[in-house]
Amino acid sequence: VTNFKIRQYLSKGISLLECSLETGRTHQIRVHLSSKGFPIINDPLYGRTPRGMSERILACVKENVIESDRPLLHAFELSFIHPKNKKVEKFTCDLPEDIKNVIACLQNNEKSRGSA
């Protein structure tokens, strides 16, 4: 089971999502979001270009993603129950620069689109 909520609307058809997993399967987030019609940008296996994605938005991704075939997917928090001491272990990691740059580019495109 994958639960998700919209954290931020970025541009037409593109949002920043927060996902939480009740189970842990290979490619779970990628498969579940794609099957719901919400593919992860730049996912070479399960993704596709969202309808209505403009060339300007595609340029944001191409200009800012460090690895051209890397999905725009990031685990900012992982937690699990340690098998021996039974305590919750939690690890966090900030968004990588390339994803921050794509978000900023999309926000700027949305602002310029609104003022045009």
Protein backbone atom coordinates (compact mmCIF):
# COMPACT_ATOMS: atom_id res chain seq x y z
CA VAL A 1 0.00 0.00 0.00
CA THR A 2 1.30 3.44 -0.96
CA ASN A 3 -0.29 6.54 0.57
CA PHE A 4 0.42 9.92 -0.93
CA LYS A 5 -0.53 13.56 -0.59
CA ILE A 6 0.19 16.63 -2.64
CA ARG A 7 2.78 18.83 -0.92
CA GLN A 8 2.99 21.50 -3.59
CA TYR A 9 1.50 22.27 -7.00
CA LEU A 10 4.40 23.11 -9.32
CA SER A 11 2.99 23.48 -12.81
CA LYS A 12 0.23 22.16 -15.05
CA GLY A 13 0.00 18.44 -14.31
CA ILE A 14 3.06 18.44 -12.04
CA SER A 15 3.02 18.30 -8.24
CA LEU A 16 5.46 17.52 -5.48
CA LEU A 17 4.11 14.48 -3.62
CA GLU A 18 4.85 12.96 -0.25
CA CYS A 19 4.47 9.19 -0.22
CA SER A 20 4.41 6.81 2.71
CA LEU A 21 4.57 3.06 2.40
CA GLU A 22 2.76 0.49 4.48
CA THR A 23 4.63 -2.27 2.70
CA GLY A 24 7.96 -2.27 0.91
CA ARG A 25 8.10 -3.75 -2.55
CA THR A 26 10.57 -3.18 -5.37
CA HIS A 27 9.64 -0.06 -7.36
CA GLN A 28 6.46 0.24 -5.27
CA ILE A 29 6.10 4.02 -5.41
CA ARG A 30 6.96 4.12 -9.11
CA VAL A 31 4.48 1.37 -10.01
CA HIS A 32 1.62 2.62 -7.84
CA LEU A 33 1.85 6.25 -8.95
CA SER A 34 2.17 5.30 -12.62
CA SER A 35 -0.87 3.01 -12.39
CA LYS A 36 -2.90 5.92 -10.95
CA GLY A 37 -1.86 8.17 -13.84
CA PHE A 38 0.75 10.09 -11.84
CA PRO A 39 4.07 8.98 -13.35
CA ILE A 40 7.32 10.15 -11.80
CA ILE A 41 9.11 12.61 -14.06
CA ASN A 42 12.11 11.15 -15.86
CA ASP A 43 11.33 7.56 -14.85
CA PRO A 44 12.69 5.49 -17.75
CA LEU A 45 10.82 2.34 -16.72
CA TYR A 46 7.36 3.37 -15.49
CA GLY A 47 7.18 7.02 -16.43
CA ARG A 48 5.83 8.82 -19.42
CA THR A 49 5.58 12.46 -20.33
CA PRO A 50 2.49 13.86 -18.61
CA ARG A 51 -0.20 15.23 -20.92
CA GLY A 52 0.15 18.91 -21.50
CA MET A 53 3.78 19.08 -20.43
CA SER A 54 5.27 21.97 -22.36
CA GLU A 55 8.67 22.14 -23.97
CA ARG A 56 9.67 24.73 -21.35
CA ILE A 57 8.93 22.26 -18.58
CA LEU A 58 10.79 19.46 -20.33
CA ALA A 59 13.73 21.85 -20.67
CA CYS A 60 13.67 22.43 -16.87
CA VAL A 61 14.13 18.72 -16.33
CA LYS A 62 16.78 18.24 -19.01
CA GLU A 63 18.82 21.24 -17.87
CA ASN A 64 18.79 20.40 -14.18
CA VAL A 65 18.83 16.63 -13.69
CA ILE A 66 22.37 15.44 -13.00
CA GLU A 67 21.88 11.91 -14.32
CA SER A 68 19.73 11.98 -17.44
CA ASP A 69 17.99 8.67 -16.72
CA ARG A 70 17.36 9.25 -12.99
CA PRO A 71 13.72 9.46 -11.90
CA LEU A 72 12.86 12.57 -9.89
CA LEU A 73 12.31 10.46 -6.80
CA HIS A 74 13.97 11.00 -3.43
CA ALA A 75 13.67 9.33 -0.03
CA PHE A 76 13.84 12.26 2.39
CA GLU A 77 12.99 10.04 5.35
CA LEU A 78 13.37 6.34 6.00
CA SER A 79 12.35 4.68 9.22
CA PHE A 80 12.07 1.11 10.39
CA ILE A 81 12.00 -0.95 13.56
CA HIS A 82 15.44 -2.31 14.33
CA PRO A 83 15.23 -6.12 14.34
CA LYS A 84 17.32 -6.56 17.50
CA ASN A 85 16.59 -3.64 19.83
CA LYS A 86 13.04 -3.04 18.49
CA LYS A 87 13.58 0.73 18.48
CA VAL A 88 12.47 2.92 15.60
CA GLU A 89 15.46 3.98 13.51
CA LYS A 90 14.91 7.13 11.46
CA PHE A 91 17.14 8.71 8.82
CA THR A 92 16.54 11.92 6.88
CA CYS A 93 18.24 13.50 3.88
CA ASP A 94 17.56 16.85 2.20
CA LEU A 95 16.47 17.03 -1.41
CA PRO A 96 19.41 16.79 -3.81
CA GLU A 97 20.38 19.94 -5.68
CA ASP A 98 19.14 18.72 -9.06
CA ILE A 99 15.61 18.16 -7.73
CA LYS A 100 15.67 21.53 -5.94
CA ASN A 101 16.73 23.13 -9.22
CA VAL A 102 13.94 21.43 -11.19
CA ILE A 103 11.39 22.59 -8.59
CA ALA A 104 12.70 26.17 -8.77
CA CYS A 105 12.64 26.09 -12.57
CA LEU A 106 9.05 24.79 -12.62
CA GLN A 107 7.96 27.45 -10.11
CA ASN A 108 9.58 30.17 -12.23
CA ASN A 109 7.89 28.84 -15.37
CA GLU A 110 4.53 28.82 -13.60
CA LYS A 111 5.02 32.42 -12.41
CA SER A 112 6.01 33.61 -15.89
CA ARG A 113 3.09 31.72 -17.41
CA GLY A 114 0.70 33.42 -15.00
CA SER A 115 2.03 36.87 -15.83
CA ALA A 116 1.96 36.33 -19.60
